[in-house]
Amino acid sequence: MSPAALAAPPLFAEHGAFAALGPRFFTELAPAPLPDPYWIGRSAALARELGLDPDWLASDEALQWFSGNALPPGARPLASVYSGHQFGVWAGQLGDGRALLLGETPGGLEVQLKGSGRTPYSRMADGRAVLRSSIREFLVSEAMHGLGIPTTRALCVVGSDLPVRRETMETAAVVTRVAPSFIRFGHFEHFSYSGQHAELKALADHVIERFYPDCRAAADPYAALLARVTERTARLIAHWQAVGFMHGVMNTDNMSILGLTIDYGPFQFMDGFDPGHICNHSDSGGRYAYDQQPAVAHWNLCALGQALLPLIGDQDRAIAAIEPFANFYSDALAARMAAKLGFARATPAIGTLVDALLVLLARERTDWSIFWRRLARQMAGAAGDPVRDLFIERAAGDAWLLQYQELVAHDPAAHSPDLMLKSNPAIVLRNHLAEQAIARAKLKDFGLLQDLLGALERPFDEHPAHPDWAGFPPDWASQIQISCSS
């Protein structure tokens, strides 16, 4: 049966929970038509999770739905309003300036078009997304999911030759994003700072009812909500740090109330390890550098706590809800770093070994992903280049490796090479890989993008057909500059 002949799936439930909050939370409007759309990429894996036939996803009907040219049955497109702090400065009202929530699936997942045209919250922008950033978001959303990191997902990306001006003239694209919710810290800030406390309460009650129902029984449900968000956020940031991921623009409007990675812009996975690396060319002050991400997350949680004060009513309770962040983060990071070394449980001895390693890797700018994967393979007895070859100071590298081997020998039953292989990916979406896929896509060649997507969905597997994807970045990769412009 051809894709065009397949029946359209029942994608949306009749009423979405967010839409039920009422018109103060959003503006209803239709997406802007996208002229002559064409497929760029599709995630068959996510399609199956949504109950969609991947063959149907290749149909023209699906193309029209996910380009914004036709509305699926049951869709109720809307742009939500929120506010936020950007680069630590209050920016006032923001909102979905180029995104529309189409609706909610019967399974409770929200489906959103990004790049679907102007909304009342576009702030003089064109409401469009461009090919390069859309491909990056599509690939990284599924890559992060493959790594086990909480994230929004991406079902597909559609392109058009419609010109869009950024620093240069580019072409338009629309990404279809999926998440349990797209509610951000900034949603709470908006209603708190504007004095709409009834709406603030309705929003908090909605989030508790849908996603944190155990908070309902707490003495202070809203302080309990803040505490749960604090824990989820801490664990998310620890996962980022362990895999060498940098978000690039951790504004409060880019922080998910569910502890998801959301709003991929100038992100980057670490090449040579540099704790102070700034992946966002627009971040001249380094506010969102790799080593600043935990502190920024805590700052953002304090902003959320301030927004929830009208409901919590007591500043000390809000502070107490956020205070465990440091312990949550340090414990989660210690556990992840121990797993990267093959230990199921963190200990002080492992922590000391990790601290010494990070100093060594930073001094040598050792490639983060290659070091960890090579170490895992070496401990698993696999053939390949030795870890010591990664160090210019061979003596320093050998000394650390000896300490590590002595720790393993002290309790060999506690060490698992298999855990190392499952904790240290063979492939991550480095900037140069995304750039290569984008360059080919500009020529209407999407084969590399789909092949790369397949590998990123299984990042802990070896991919011998493409050894360069797991290799060192080319020299030109260091010249790639990613900014907030998209």
Protein backbone atom coordinates (compact mmCIF):
# COMPACT_ATOMS: atom_id res chain seq x y z
CA MET A 1 0.00 0.00 0.00
CA SER A 2 1.40 3.40 -0.92
CA PRO A 3 1.86 6.04 1.82
CA ALA A 4 -0.79 8.22 0.20
CA ALA A 5 -3.34 5.41 0.45
CA LEU A 6 -2.84 4.85 4.18
CA ALA A 7 -5.56 6.11 6.49
CA ALA A 8 -4.73 9.14 8.63
CA PRO A 9 -4.21 8.19 12.29
CA PRO A 10 -6.24 9.65 15.16
CA LEU A 11 -3.41 11.87 16.31
CA PHE A 12 -5.16 14.21 18.75
CA ALA A 13 -7.55 13.80 21.63
CA GLU A 14 -10.65 15.98 21.48
CA HIS A 15 -9.50 18.38 24.19
CA GLY A 16 -5.96 19.18 25.32
CA ALA A 17 -5.30 19.79 28.99
CA PHE A 18 -3.27 22.95 28.40
CA ALA A 19 -6.01 24.43 26.21
CA ALA A 20 -8.46 23.85 29.06
CA LEU A 21 -6.59 26.43 31.15
CA GLY A 22 -8.30 29.19 29.18
CA PRO A 23 -7.54 32.14 26.93
CA ARG A 24 -5.32 34.02 29.39
CA PHE A 25 -2.69 31.35 28.77
CA PHE A 26 -2.58 31.44 24.98
CA THR A 27 -3.77 32.84 21.70
CA GLU A 28 -5.48 30.57 19.20
CA LEU A 29 -4.40 31.00 15.58
CA ALA A 30 -3.66 28.92 12.54
CA PRO A 31 -0.13 28.23 11.31
CA ALA A 32 1.12 30.22 8.34
CA PRO A 33 1.18 28.16 5.12
CA LEU A 34 4.60 26.94 4.02
CA PRO A 35 4.97 27.10 0.22
CA ASP A 36 6.02 23.94 -1.63
CA PRO A 37 7.09 21.93 1.42
CA TYR A 38 9.32 18.89 1.16
CA TRP A 39 10.53 16.26 3.60
CA ILE A 40 13.92 16.72 5.21
CA GLY A 41 13.85 14.08 7.93
CA ARG A 42 11.50 11.81 9.86
CA SER A 43 11.88 9.75 13.03
CA ALA A 44 10.32 6.35 12.44
CA ALA A 45 11.08 5.41 16.04
CA LEU A 46 9.08 8.29 17.48
CA ALA A 47 6.31 7.73 14.96
CA ARG A 48 5.86 4.20 16.27
CA GLU A 49 5.84 5.45 19.87
CA LEU A 50 3.02 7.81 18.90
CA GLY A 51 1.10 5.00 17.22
CA LEU A 52 1.76 6.40 13.75
CA ASP A 53 2.64 4.18 10.82
CA PRO A 54 6.10 5.29 9.61
CA ASP A 55 4.89 4.68 6.06
CA TRP A 56 2.01 7.08 6.62
CA LEU A 57 4.51 9.62 7.95
CA ALA A 58 6.01 9.66 4.44
CA SER A 59 2.67 10.59 2.89
CA ASP A 60 1.65 13.92 1.41
CA GLU A 61 -1.10 14.19 4.02
CA ALA A 62 1.49 14.03 6.79
CA LEU A 63 3.65 16.54 4.91
CA GLN A 64 0.77 19.01 4.80
CA TRP A 65 -0.05 18.48 8.48
CA PHE A 66 3.49 18.97 9.71
CA SER A 67 4.27 21.91 7.46
CA GLY A 68 1.27 23.79 8.82
CA ASN A 69 -0.59 23.76 5.50
CA ALA A 70 -3.46 21.63 6.81
CA LEU A 71 -4.79 20.94 10.27
CA PRO A 72 -5.15 17.36 11.52
CA PRO A 73 -8.59 16.41 12.85
CA GLY A 74 -8.92 17.51 16.46
CA ALA A 75 -6.07 20.02 16.26
CA ARG A 76 -6.53 23.30 18.10
CA PRO A 77 -3.42 25.36 17.33
CA LEU A 78 -2.38 27.89 19.93
CA ALA A 79 0.64 29.93 20.99
CA SER A 80 1.24 30.19 24.73
CA VAL A 81 2.33 33.31 26.58
CA TYR A 82 5.20 33.33 29.07
CA SER A 83 7.90 35.67 30.30
CA GLY A 84 11.43 35.17 31.53
CA HIS A 85 14.96 36.20 32.40
CA GLN A 86 17.34 36.22 29.43
CA PHE A 87 21.06 36.26 30.22
CA GLY A 88 20.09 37.08 33.80
CA VAL A 89 18.03 40.16 32.88
CA TRP A 90 14.25 40.38 33.16
CA ALA A 91 12.93 40.42 29.58
CA GLY A 92 9.24 40.81 30.35
CA GLN A 93 6.59 39.14 28.24
CA LEU A 94 7.84 36.60 25.74
CA GLY A 95 5.85 33.62 24.47
CA ASP A 96 5.70 31.19 21.57
CA GLY A 97 6.91 33.58 18.92
CA ARG A 98 7.22 30.96 16.20
CA ALA A 99 5.69 27.83 17.72
CA LEU A 100 2.15 26.50 17.82
CA LEU A 101 0.84 23.73 20.00
CA LEU A 102 -1.33 21.63 17.66
CA GLY A 103 -2.90 19.50 20.35
CA GLU A 104 -2.48 16.58 22.69
CA THR A 105 -2.33 12.92 21.69
CA PRO A 106 -4.59 10.34 23.35
CA GLY A 107 -1.47 9.25 25.24
CA GLY A 108 -1.06 12.70 26.76
CA LEU A 109 1.81 14.06 24.66
CA GLU A 110 1.75 17.57 23.23
CA VAL A 111 2.65 18.08 19.56
CA GLN A 112 4.05 21.44 18.53
CA LEU A 113 5.13 23.02 15.25
CA LYS A 114 8.24 25.22 15.51
CA GLY A 115 8.77 27.69 12.68
CA SER A 116 5.10 27.88 11.72
CA GLY A 117 4.82 31.67 11.38
CA ARG A 118 4.22 34.83 13.35
CA THR A 119 2.20 34.90 16.55
CA PRO A 120 1.22 37.77 18.89
CA TYR A 121 4.42 36.95 20.82
CA SER A 122 6.86 37.19 17.90
CA ARG A 123 8.16 40.63 18.97
CA MET A 124 8.74 41.92 15.41
CA ALA A 125 10.34 38.63 14.30
CA ASP A 126 9.19 36.63 11.28
CA GLY A 127 7.99 33.55 13.16
CA ARG A 128 10.02 31.22 10.99
CA ALA A 129 12.82 28.75 11.70
CA VAL A 130 15.61 28.07 9.23
CA LEU A 131 16.96 24.88 7.73
CA ARG A 132 20.24 24.73 9.69
CA SER A 133 18.78 25.20 13.17
CA SER A 134 15.83 22.94 12.42
CA ILE A 135 18.10 20.10 11.34
CA ARG A 136 20.23 20.61 14.46
CA GLU A 137 17.18 20.46 16.73
CA PHE A 138 15.73 17.45 14.92
CA LEU A 139 18.95 15.47 15.23
CA VAL A 140 19.87 16.47 18.77
CA SER A 141 16.40 15.83 20.17
CA GLU A 142 16.58 12.21 19.10
CA ALA A 143 20.28 11.98 19.98
CA MET A 144 19.62 13.10 23.55
CA HIS A 145 16.78 10.61 23.83
CA GLY A 146 19.15 7.90 22.64
CA LEU A 147 21.58 8.91 25.39
CA GLY A 148 18.83 8.57 27.99
CA ILE A 149 18.76 12.29 28.75
CA PRO A 150 15.31 13.80 29.44
CA THR A 151 14.40 15.87 26.39
CA THR A 152 11.70 17.09 24.08
CA ARG A 153 11.52 14.89 20.99
CA ALA A 154 11.37 15.63 17.27
CA LEU A 155 9.05 13.70 14.97
CA CYS A 156 10.02 15.28 11.68
CA VAL A 157 11.39 18.33 9.93
CA VAL A 158 9.93 19.85 6.77
CA GLY A 159 11.69 22.31 4.47
CA SER A 160 10.75 24.95 1.94
CA ASP A 161 12.64 27.24 -0.42
CA LEU A 162 10.88 30.17 1.22
CA PRO A 163 13.65 32.73 1.89
CA VAL A 164 14.26 33.74 5.50
CA ARG A 165 16.75 36.43 6.45
CA ARG A 166 19.10 35.92 9.37
CA GLU A 167 22.74 37.03 9.19
CA THR A 168 22.46 35.86 5.59
CA MET A 169 19.53 34.75 3.47
CA GLU A 170 18.49 31.20 4.36
CA THR A 171 15.52 28.92 3.73
CA ALA A 172 12.62 28.01 5.99
CA ALA A 173 11.88 24.81 7.86
CA VAL A 174 9.39 23.54 10.43
CA VAL A 175 10.20 21.04 13.18
CA THR A 176 7.47 18.96 14.81
CA ARG A 177 8.30 18.67 18.49
CA VAL A 178 6.76 16.30 21.02
CA ALA A 179 6.80 16.44 24.83
CA PRO A 180 4.54 15.69 27.79
CA SER A 181 4.45 19.46 28.27
CA PHE A 182 6.20 22.55 26.96
CA ILE A 183 5.55 24.53 30.16
CA ARG A 184 8.61 26.48 31.27
CA PHE A 185 9.78 28.34 34.36
CA GLY A 186 8.86 31.45 32.38
CA HIS A 187 5.18 30.55 32.35
CA PHE A 188 5.11 30.86 36.14
CA GLU A 189 7.15 34.07 36.05
CA HIS A 190 4.69 35.62 33.62
CA PHE A 191 1.61 35.20 35.79
CA SER A 192 3.44 35.95 39.03
CA TYR A 193 5.10 39.16 37.89
CA SER A 194 1.96 40.42 36.17
CA GLY A 195 -0.06 39.93 39.34
CA GLN A 196 -2.33 37.28 37.80
CA HIS A 197 -2.22 35.07 40.86
CA ALA A 198 -5.42 33.18 40.11
CA GLU A 199 -3.90 32.11 36.80
CA LEU A 200 -0.60 31.31 38.55
CA LYS A 201 -2.48 28.98 40.89
CA ALA A 202 -4.39 27.39 38.01
CA LEU A 203 -1.11 26.73 36.20
CA ALA A 204 0.56 25.25 39.26
CA ASP A 205 -2.49 23.08 39.98
CA HIS A 206 -2.47 21.86 36.38
CA VAL A 207 1.20 20.89 36.57
CA ILE A 208 0.74 19.15 39.92
CA GLU A 209 -2.35 17.27 38.76
CA ARG A 210 -0.78 16.09 35.51
CA PHE A 211 2.88 15.55 36.39
CA TYR A 212 3.49 15.71 40.15
CA PRO A 213 0.35 14.21 41.72
CA ASP A 214 2.22 13.14 44.86
CA CYS A 215 2.59 16.85 45.73
CA ARG A 216 -1.14 17.14 46.34
CA ALA A 217 -0.85 15.41 49.72
CA ALA A 218 2.00 17.63 50.93
CA ALA A 219 1.43 20.23 53.66
CA ASP A 220 2.40 22.87 51.07
CA PRO A 221 1.79 21.45 47.58
CA TYR A 222 3.48 24.39 45.86
CA ALA A 223 6.66 24.15 47.91
CA ALA A 224 6.60 20.42 47.23
CA LEU A 225 6.31 21.18 43.51
CA LEU A 226 9.33 23.47 43.69
CA ALA A 227 11.28 20.76 45.52
CA ARG A 228 10.44 18.15 42.88
CA VAL A 229 11.39 20.47 40.03
CA THR A 230 14.64 21.22 41.85
CA GLU A 231 15.51 17.53 42.03
CA ARG A 232 14.66 16.85 38.38
CA THR A 233 16.63 19.88 37.22
CA ALA A 234 19.68 18.89 39.27
CA ARG A 235 19.67 15.38 37.82
CA LEU A 236 19.26 16.75 34.30
CA ILE A 237 22.26 19.06 34.61
CA ALA A 238 24.38 16.24 36.05
CA HIS A 239 23.53 14.16 32.99
CA TRP A 240 24.51 17.05 30.71
CA GLN A 241 27.85 17.50 32.45
CA ALA A 242 28.67 13.80 32.36
CA VAL A 243 28.17 13.55 28.61
CA GLY A 244 29.86 16.90 27.90
CA PHE A 245 26.71 18.66 26.67
CA MET A 246 26.32 22.44 26.66
CA HIS A 247 22.90 23.99 26.16
CA GLY A 248 24.19 27.45 25.32
CA VAL A 249 21.23 29.60 26.36
CA MET A 250 19.79 28.59 29.74
CA ASN A 251 17.33 31.44 30.09
CA THR A 252 14.40 30.84 32.44
CA ASP A 253 12.08 30.65 29.44
CA ASN A 254 14.22 27.77 28.18
CA MET A 255 13.91 25.72 31.38
CA SER A 256 11.31 22.94 31.45
CA ILE A 257 9.09 22.50 34.49
CA LEU A 258 9.48 18.74 33.90
CA GLY A 259 13.27 18.74 33.90
CA LEU A 260 13.51 18.17 30.14
CA THR A 261 16.14 19.56 27.83
CA ILE A 262 14.16 22.07 25.79
CA ASP A 263 14.74 24.72 23.10
CA TYR A 264 17.91 23.60 21.35
CA GLY A 265 19.75 26.57 19.91
CA PRO A 266 23.51 27.05 20.13
CA PHE A 267 24.14 23.69 21.84
CA GLN A 268 27.36 21.71 21.57
CA PHE A 269 28.86 18.45 22.73
CA MET A 270 32.38 18.91 24.04
CA ASP A 271 35.33 18.17 21.77
CA GLY A 272 38.56 18.84 23.65
CA PHE A 273 37.72 19.12 27.35
CA ASP A 274 37.63 22.75 28.43
CA PRO A 275 35.57 23.46 31.55
CA GLY A 276 35.22 27.13 30.58
CA HIS A 277 34.13 26.46 27.01
CA ILE A 278 31.42 28.78 25.67
CA CYS A 279 29.41 27.18 22.88
CA ASN A 280 27.18 30.18 22.16
CA HIS A 281 28.87 32.84 20.05
CA SER A 282 26.32 35.35 21.37
CA ASP A 283 27.34 34.68 25.00
CA SER A 284 30.18 37.18 25.19
CA GLY A 285 30.27 37.10 29.00
CA GLY A 286 30.36 33.31 29.30
CA ARG A 287 27.25 33.14 31.46
CA TYR A 288 26.32 29.79 29.95
CA ALA A 289 29.77 28.19 29.72
CA TYR A 290 30.00 24.47 30.44
CA ASP A 291 31.23 24.87 34.00
CA GLN A 292 28.59 27.50 34.77
CA GLN A 293 25.59 25.33 33.89
CA PRO A 294 24.99 23.97 37.43
CA ALA A 295 25.13 27.46 38.97
CA VAL A 296 22.83 28.88 36.29
CA ALA A 297 20.33 26.08 36.86
CA HIS A 298 20.30 26.94 40.57
CA TRP A 299 19.83 30.64 39.73
CA ASN A 300 16.91 29.76 37.49
CA LEU A 301 15.34 27.66 40.23
CA CYS A 302 15.59 30.65 42.55
CA ALA A 303 13.74 32.68 39.89
CA LEU A 304 11.06 29.98 39.78
CA GLY A 305 10.86 30.01 43.56
CA GLN A 306 10.38 33.76 43.51
CA ALA A 307 7.58 33.34 40.98
CA LEU A 308 5.86 30.75 43.20
CA LEU A 309 6.06 32.88 46.34
CA PRO A 310 2.46 34.16 46.01
CA LEU A 311 1.37 30.52 46.33
CA ILE A 312 3.97 29.29 48.83
CA GLY A 313 3.58 32.41 50.93
CA ASP A 314 6.74 31.93 52.94
CA GLN A 315 10.20 32.67 51.58
CA ASP A 316 11.90 30.28 53.99
CA ARG A 317 9.83 27.37 52.65
CA ALA A 318 10.75 28.31 49.09
CA ILE A 319 14.44 28.48 50.01
CA ALA A 320 14.21 25.14 51.79
CA ALA A 321 12.71 23.57 48.65
CA ILE A 322 15.62 24.74 46.50
CA GLU A 323 18.41 24.21 49.04
CA PRO A 324 18.95 20.49 48.27
CA PHE A 325 19.93 21.32 44.67
CA ALA A 326 23.67 21.14 45.38
CA ASN A 327 23.41 17.72 47.01
CA PHE A 328 21.08 16.36 44.34
CA TYR A 329 23.45 17.58 41.65
CA SER A 330 26.68 16.38 43.26
CA ASP A 331 25.23 12.96 44.08
CA ALA A 332 23.80 12.52 40.58
CA LEU A 333 27.04 13.62 38.93
CA ALA A 334 29.14 11.39 41.19
CA ALA A 335 26.97 8.41 40.28
CA ARG A 336 27.26 9.12 36.57
CA MET A 337 31.00 9.62 36.69
CA ALA A 338 31.38 6.40 38.68
CA ALA A 339 29.35 4.58 36.02
CA LYS A 340 31.60 6.02 33.32
CA LEU A 341 34.48 4.36 35.18
CA GLY A 342 32.55 1.10 35.51
CA PHE A 343 31.34 1.32 39.09
CA ALA A 344 27.68 1.03 40.05
CA ARG A 345 28.20 3.05 43.23
CA ALA A 346 30.15 6.24 43.86
CA THR A 347 32.75 6.26 46.65
CA PRO A 348 35.18 8.88 47.97
CA ALA A 349 38.06 7.04 46.31
CA ILE A 350 36.31 7.17 42.94
CA GLY A 351 35.56 10.85 43.48
CA THR A 352 39.23 11.59 44.12
CA LEU A 353 40.18 9.69 40.97
CA VAL A 354 37.59 11.61 38.92
CA ASP A 355 38.80 14.97 40.25
CA ALA A 356 42.38 14.15 39.28
CA LEU A 357 41.25 13.01 35.83
CA LEU A 358 39.31 16.20 35.14
CA VAL A 359 42.36 18.30 35.96
CA LEU A 360 44.45 16.19 33.59
CA LEU A 361 41.88 16.24 30.76
CA ALA A 362 41.46 20.01 31.08
CA ARG A 363 45.20 20.64 31.06
CA GLU A 364 45.63 18.59 27.88
CA ARG A 365 42.30 19.50 26.24
CA THR A 366 41.78 15.78 25.72
CA ASP A 367 38.81 14.87 23.57
CA TRP A 368 36.00 14.14 26.04
CA SER A 369 33.97 11.54 24.16
CA ILE A 370 36.92 9.72 22.63
CA PHE A 371 38.75 9.45 25.96
CA TRP A 372 35.79 7.87 27.73
CA ARG A 373 34.85 5.52 24.92
CA ARG A 374 38.45 4.44 24.37
CA LEU A 375 38.84 3.78 28.10
CA ALA A 376 35.63 1.71 28.12
CA ARG A 377 36.76 -0.34 25.14
CA GLN A 378 40.21 -0.87 26.63
CA MET A 379 38.74 -2.10 29.93
CA ALA A 380 36.41 -4.40 27.97
CA GLY A 381 39.40 -5.93 26.19
CA ALA A 382 38.44 -4.62 22.75
CA ALA A 383 41.07 -3.90 20.13
CA GLY A 384 41.81 -0.28 19.34
CA ASP A 385 44.10 2.62 20.03
CA PRO A 386 45.38 2.78 23.61
CA VAL A 387 44.14 5.45 25.99
CA ARG A 388 47.66 6.61 26.77
CA ASP A 389 48.06 7.85 23.20
CA LEU A 390 45.55 10.58 23.95
CA PHE A 391 47.97 12.32 26.33
CA ILE A 392 50.82 14.57 25.39
CA GLU A 393 52.22 14.11 28.89
CA ARG A 394 52.46 10.34 28.72
CA ALA A 395 53.82 10.07 32.24
CA ALA A 396 50.86 11.95 33.70
CA GLY A 397 48.41 9.85 31.73
CA ASP A 398 50.13 6.63 32.71
CA ALA A 399 50.14 7.66 36.37
CA TRP A 400 46.40 8.25 36.35
CA LEU A 401 45.73 4.98 34.50
CA LEU A 402 47.80 3.13 37.09
CA GLN A 403 45.75 4.64 39.89
CA TYR A 404 42.58 3.61 38.11
CA GLN A 405 43.79 0.06 37.55
CA GLU A 406 44.78 -0.21 41.20
CA LEU A 407 41.28 0.90 42.22
CA VAL A 408 39.76 -1.73 39.94
CA ALA A 409 42.11 -4.41 41.26
CA HIS A 410 41.15 -3.55 44.84
CA ASP A 411 37.61 -4.85 44.20
CA PRO A 412 37.36 -6.36 40.71
CA ALA A 413 33.86 -7.72 41.39
CA ALA A 414 32.58 -4.15 41.77
CA HIS A 415 33.84 -3.14 38.33
CA SER A 416 31.85 -3.65 35.11
CA PRO A 417 33.29 -2.97 31.65
CA ASP A 418 29.78 -3.51 30.28
CA LEU A 419 28.53 -0.64 32.44
CA MET A 420 31.30 1.52 30.98
CA LEU A 421 30.23 0.70 27.43
CA LYS A 422 26.63 1.58 28.33
CA SER A 423 27.67 4.85 30.00
CA ASN A 424 30.15 6.20 27.43
CA PRO A 425 28.64 6.75 23.97
CA ALA A 426 30.52 5.89 20.81
CA ILE A 427 28.87 8.78 18.99
CA VAL A 428 27.39 12.14 19.96
CA LEU A 429 26.12 14.91 17.70
CA ARG A 430 29.25 17.00 17.39
CA ASN A 431 28.95 20.32 15.61
CA HIS A 432 30.87 19.18 12.55
CA LEU A 433 28.56 16.19 12.03
CA ALA A 434 25.54 18.45 12.12
CA GLU A 435 27.26 20.87 9.72
CA GLN A 436 27.94 18.06 7.25
CA ALA A 437 24.29 16.97 7.33
CA ILE A 438 23.15 20.58 6.89
CA ALA A 439 25.50 21.14 3.93
CA ARG A 440 24.12 18.07 2.16
CA ALA A 441 20.52 19.03 3.00
CA LYS A 442 21.01 22.42 1.37
CA LEU A 443 21.64 20.44 -1.84
CA LYS A 444 18.40 18.46 -1.23
CA ASP A 445 20.41 15.37 -0.30
CA PHE A 446 18.98 14.02 2.97
CA GLY A 447 20.63 10.61 3.00
CA LEU A 448 23.40 11.60 5.40
CA LEU A 449 20.88 13.12 7.80
CA GLN A 450 18.82 9.92 7.98
CA ASP A 451 21.92 7.71 8.32
CA LEU A 452 23.25 9.96 11.07
CA LEU A 453 19.89 9.90 12.82
CA GLY A 454 19.99 6.10 12.83
CA ALA A 455 23.40 6.11 14.51
CA LEU A 456 22.42 8.77 17.06
CA GLU A 457 19.39 6.71 18.06
CA ARG A 458 21.86 3.97 19.12
CA PRO A 459 24.77 6.00 20.49
CA PHE A 460 26.28 3.21 22.60
CA ASP A 461 26.63 0.86 19.62
CA GLU A 462 29.65 0.75 17.37
CA HIS A 463 29.01 1.95 13.83
CA PRO A 464 31.85 0.45 11.77
CA ALA A 465 30.38 1.69 8.48
CA HIS A 466 31.07 5.25 9.64
CA PRO A 467 34.21 5.22 11.82
CA ASP A 468 34.78 8.93 11.24
CA TRP A 469 31.57 9.75 13.12
CA ALA A 470 33.23 8.49 16.30
CA GLY A 471 36.62 9.98 15.46
CA PHE A 472 38.36 13.25 16.13
CA PRO A 473 36.73 16.38 14.72
CA PRO A 474 38.40 17.88 11.64
CA ASP A 475 40.51 21.00 12.04
CA TRP A 476 37.80 23.19 10.56
CA ALA A 477 35.37 22.18 13.32
CA SER A 478 37.03 24.59 15.74
CA GLN A 479 35.95 27.48 13.48
CA ILE A 480 32.23 26.64 13.71
CA GLN A 481 30.32 29.41 15.48
CA ILE A 482 26.78 28.84 16.71
CA SER A 483 24.75 31.80 17.93
CA CYS A 484 21.22 32.43 19.21
CA SER A 485 20.16 33.36 15.67
CA SER A 486 17.92 30.72 14.14
